[in-house]
N, C-alpha and C. Protein backbone atom coordinates (compact mmCIF):
# COMPACT_ATOMS: atom_id res chain seq x y z
N MET A 1 42.76 -18.49 -108.85
CA MET A 1 44.38 -19.57 -108.89
C MET A 1 45.27 -18.94 -108.29
N ASP A 2 45.55 -19.57 -107.87
CA ASP A 2 46.87 -18.89 -107.11
C ASP A 2 47.96 -18.59 -108.17
N CYS A 3 49.56 -17.98 -107.35
CA CYS A 3 49.88 -17.54 -108.16
C CYS A 3 50.90 -18.20 -108.65
N LYS A 4 50.99 -19.54 -107.55
CA LYS A 4 52.09 -19.81 -108.35
C LYS A 4 51.55 -20.94 -110.06
N GLU A 5 50.21 -21.74 -110.14
CA GLU A 5 49.56 -21.77 -110.83
C GLU A 5 49.64 -20.97 -112.30
N LEU A 6 49.15 -19.76 -111.59
CA LEU A 6 49.08 -18.38 -112.84
C LEU A 6 50.22 -19.00 -112.94
N VAL A 7 51.90 -18.69 -112.51
CA VAL A 7 53.09 -18.57 -113.09
C VAL A 7 53.49 -19.97 -114.24
N SER A 8 53.37 -20.60 -113.76
CA SER A 8 52.89 -21.62 -114.04
C SER A 8 52.63 -21.84 -116.01
N PHE A 9 51.18 -21.48 -116.14
CA PHE A 9 50.59 -21.43 -116.97
C PHE A 9 51.16 -20.74 -117.99
N MET A 10 51.66 -19.49 -117.62
CA MET A 10 51.88 -18.42 -118.74
C MET A 10 53.10 -18.65 -118.86
N VAL A 11 54.00 -18.87 -118.04
CA VAL A 11 55.44 -19.53 -118.59
C VAL A 11 54.76 -20.84 -119.45
N LYS A 12 54.53 -22.44 -119.58
CA LYS A 12 54.70 -23.02 -120.27
C LYS A 12 54.12 -22.64 -121.55
N SER A 13 52.76 -21.65 -121.85
CA SER A 13 52.27 -20.56 -123.01
C SER A 13 53.76 -20.40 -123.39
N LEU A 14 54.70 -19.68 -123.26
CA LEU A 14 55.52 -18.40 -124.12
C LEU A 14 57.22 -19.92 -124.38
N VAL A 15 57.12 -20.74 -123.49
CA VAL A 15 58.76 -21.49 -124.65
C VAL A 15 58.31 -22.95 -124.97
N ASP A 16 59.47 -23.19 -125.66
CA ASP A 16 59.27 -24.32 -126.59
C ASP A 16 59.50 -25.46 -125.91
N ASN A 17 59.46 -25.12 -125.13
CA ASN A 17 60.06 -26.99 -123.55
C ASN A 17 59.10 -27.08 -122.26
N PRO A 18 57.35 -27.17 -122.85
CA PRO A 18 57.43 -26.75 -120.98
C PRO A 18 56.91 -27.72 -120.06
N GLU A 19 57.74 -28.69 -120.12
CA GLU A 19 57.78 -29.67 -119.45
C GLU A 19 59.18 -29.67 -118.74
N LYS A 20 60.07 -28.47 -119.10
CA LYS A 20 60.84 -28.01 -118.36
C LYS A 20 60.97 -26.61 -117.27
N VAL A 21 59.82 -26.15 -117.34
CA VAL A 21 59.61 -25.08 -117.13
C VAL A 21 59.15 -25.83 -115.10
N VAL A 22 59.35 -25.09 -114.42
CA VAL A 22 59.52 -25.90 -112.66
C VAL A 22 59.09 -24.23 -112.06
N VAL A 23 58.41 -24.04 -110.60
CA VAL A 23 57.80 -23.43 -110.26
C VAL A 23 57.89 -24.01 -108.83
N ASN A 24 58.34 -22.91 -107.84
CA ASN A 24 59.20 -23.67 -106.55
C ASN A 24 58.27 -22.19 -105.91
N LYS A 25 57.65 -22.67 -104.95
CA LYS A 25 57.20 -21.28 -104.09
C LYS A 25 58.11 -21.78 -102.20
N VAL A 26 58.21 -20.52 -101.99
CA VAL A 26 58.59 -20.29 -100.71
C VAL A 26 57.96 -18.97 -100.08
N GLU A 27 57.58 -20.25 -98.48
CA GLU A 27 56.96 -19.30 -97.54
C GLU A 27 58.11 -18.15 -97.22
N GLY A 28 56.88 -16.92 -97.04
CA GLY A 28 58.68 -16.54 -96.26
C GLY A 28 57.56 -15.24 -94.98
N GLU A 29 57.82 -14.92 -94.18
CA GLU A 29 57.19 -14.32 -92.91
C GLU A 29 56.53 -13.50 -93.50
N LYS A 30 56.93 -12.66 -94.37
CA LYS A 30 55.77 -11.23 -95.27
C LYS A 30 55.66 -11.16 -96.61
N SER A 31 56.98 -11.58 -97.18
CA SER A 31 56.47 -12.07 -98.85
C SER A 31 56.49 -13.71 -99.03
N THR A 32 55.94 -13.57 -100.59
CA THR A 32 55.96 -15.64 -100.67
C THR A 32 56.74 -15.30 -102.11
N ILE A 33 57.68 -16.19 -101.87
CA ILE A 33 59.10 -15.77 -103.09
C ILE A 33 58.86 -17.44 -104.29
N LEU A 34 58.23 -17.00 -105.26
CA LEU A 34 58.15 -18.31 -106.59
C LEU A 34 59.81 -18.09 -107.33
N GLU A 35 59.80 -18.92 -107.19
CA GLU A 35 61.76 -19.48 -108.02
C GLU A 35 60.81 -20.22 -109.52
N LEU A 36 61.28 -19.70 -110.41
CA LEU A 36 61.39 -19.67 -112.20
C LEU A 36 62.40 -20.85 -112.37
N SER A 37 61.97 -21.54 -112.78
CA SER A 37 63.44 -22.55 -113.73
C SER A 37 62.77 -23.34 -114.89
N VAL A 38 63.64 -22.63 -116.51
CA VAL A 38 63.20 -23.31 -117.59
C VAL A 38 64.14 -23.47 -118.81
N ASP A 39 63.88 -24.10 -118.86
CA ASP A 39 65.39 -24.59 -120.24
C ASP A 39 66.30 -23.79 -120.08
N GLY A 40 67.14 -23.74 -120.72
CA GLY A 40 68.37 -22.73 -121.02
C GLY A 40 67.95 -22.13 -122.37
N SER A 41 67.83 -22.78 -123.09
CA SER A 41 67.38 -22.42 -124.21
C SER A 41 65.92 -21.46 -124.20
N ASP A 42 65.26 -21.21 -123.41
CA ASP A 42 63.85 -20.60 -123.23
C ASP A 42 63.93 -19.22 -122.71
N ILE A 43 64.97 -19.53 -121.67
CA ILE A 43 65.46 -18.33 -120.38
C ILE A 43 65.31 -16.70 -121.79
N GLY A 44 66.06 -16.39 -122.49
CA GLY A 44 65.43 -15.69 -123.19
C GLY A 44 64.08 -15.40 -123.49
N LYS A 45 63.08 -15.90 -124.13
CA LYS A 45 61.77 -15.94 -124.29
C LYS A 45 61.19 -15.43 -123.36
N ILE A 46 61.53 -15.88 -121.51
CA ILE A 46 61.08 -15.28 -120.71
C ILE A 46 60.99 -13.75 -120.46
N ILE A 47 62.85 -13.75 -120.72
CA ILE A 47 63.49 -12.42 -120.07
C ILE A 47 62.00 -11.75 -121.17
N GLY A 48 62.53 -11.65 -122.14
CA GLY A 48 62.16 -10.76 -123.23
C GLY A 48 63.22 -9.65 -123.37
N LYS A 49 62.97 -8.68 -124.36
CA LYS A 49 64.05 -7.35 -124.86
C LYS A 49 63.37 -6.93 -123.62
N HIS A 50 64.70 -6.63 -123.27
CA HIS A 50 64.87 -5.23 -122.35
C HIS A 50 63.76 -6.13 -120.28
N GLY A 51 64.09 -7.08 -120.47
CA GLY A 51 63.08 -7.62 -119.23
C GLY A 51 61.97 -6.94 -119.49
N ARG A 52 60.72 -7.06 -120.23
CA ARG A 52 59.53 -6.92 -120.88
C ARG A 52 58.94 -7.69 -120.38
N VAL A 53 58.88 -9.02 -121.35
CA VAL A 53 58.06 -9.70 -120.81
C VAL A 53 58.21 -10.73 -119.11
N ALA A 54 59.69 -10.66 -118.72
CA ALA A 54 59.75 -11.09 -117.06
C ALA A 54 58.82 -9.42 -116.44
N LYS A 55 59.12 -8.64 -116.48
CA LYS A 55 58.29 -7.52 -116.08
C LYS A 55 56.63 -7.55 -116.17
N ALA A 56 56.14 -8.04 -117.17
CA ALA A 56 55.29 -7.81 -117.51
C ALA A 56 54.23 -8.91 -116.50
N ILE A 57 55.24 -10.21 -116.89
CA ILE A 57 54.76 -11.55 -115.76
C ILE A 57 54.58 -10.66 -114.10
N ARG A 58 55.49 -10.01 -113.54
CA ARG A 58 56.00 -9.44 -112.14
C ARG A 58 54.51 -8.62 -111.94
N THR A 59 53.77 -8.13 -113.05
CA THR A 59 53.07 -7.04 -112.62
C THR A 59 51.43 -8.06 -112.73
N LEU A 60 51.83 -8.89 -113.31
CA LEU A 60 50.44 -9.85 -113.37
C LEU A 60 50.13 -10.60 -112.35
N ILE A 61 51.32 -11.16 -112.14
CA ILE A 61 51.25 -11.80 -109.73
C ILE A 61 51.27 -10.87 -109.22
N ASN A 62 51.68 -9.41 -108.96
CA ASN A 62 51.35 -8.39 -108.06
C ASN A 62 49.99 -7.81 -107.89
N ALA A 63 49.71 -7.85 -109.25
CA ALA A 63 48.11 -7.80 -109.01
C ALA A 63 46.39 -9.03 -108.37
N SER A 64 47.83 -9.94 -109.04
CA SER A 64 47.06 -11.04 -108.09
C SER A 64 46.79 -11.43 -107.29
N SER A 65 48.31 -10.38 -106.45
CA SER A 65 48.34 -11.17 -105.40
C SER A 65 47.82 -9.46 -104.25
N ALA A 66 47.64 -8.67 -105.00
CA ALA A 66 46.94 -8.04 -103.85
C ALA A 66 45.86 -7.86 -103.78
N LYS A 67 44.85 -8.77 -104.51
CA LYS A 67 42.93 -8.53 -104.46
C LYS A 67 43.44 -10.10 -102.74
N ALA A 68 44.83 -10.76 -102.70
CA ALA A 68 44.61 -11.48 -101.06
C ALA A 68 45.16 -10.95 -100.96
N GLY A 69 46.20 -9.61 -100.38
CA GLY A 69 46.81 -9.18 -99.61
C GLY A 69 48.23 -9.22 -98.44
N LYS A 70 48.81 -10.15 -100.49
CA LYS A 70 50.02 -10.88 -99.81
C LYS A 70 50.88 -10.37 -100.88
N ARG A 71 52.31 -10.17 -100.56
CA ARG A 71 53.32 -9.82 -101.27
C ARG A 71 53.89 -10.64 -102.12
N VAL A 72 53.80 -11.36 -103.08
CA VAL A 72 54.12 -12.02 -103.97
C VAL A 72 55.86 -12.13 -104.63
N VAL A 73 57.11 -12.28 -104.43
CA VAL A 73 57.79 -12.33 -105.15
C VAL A 73 58.60 -13.31 -107.01
N LEU A 74 59.45 -12.65 -107.64
CA LEU A 74 59.51 -13.94 -108.62
C LEU A 74 60.83 -13.58 -108.99
N GLU A 75 61.43 -14.68 -109.02
CA GLU A 75 63.13 -14.74 -108.85
C GLU A 75 63.17 -15.90 -110.03
N ILE A 76 63.55 -15.30 -110.94
CA ILE A 76 63.68 -16.25 -112.29
C ILE A 76 64.97 -17.06 -112.51
N LEU A 77 65.22 -18.32 -112.10
CA LEU A 77 67.13 -18.55 -111.64
C LEU A 77 67.72 -19.37 -113.49
N ASP A 78 68.50 -19.45 -113.28
CA ASP A 78 69.49 -19.29 -114.35
C ASP A 78 69.41 -21.21 -114.68
């Protein structure tokens, strides 16, 4: 499973408006950036208390991408 698909699946499972989840993949020279955009009312569910949910998602992405030998960064857009 691609990291983009992984993030999309996890986030859609967490939010109330899964149809408004958008994940854009930006390829760079040394790393890949995943830009996550959700509905304004769902942003708190993705970040979580003290950023715990966002940190957990990033940890899973890093574990998944390390297998392929790449670096993937998740950015949560407002």
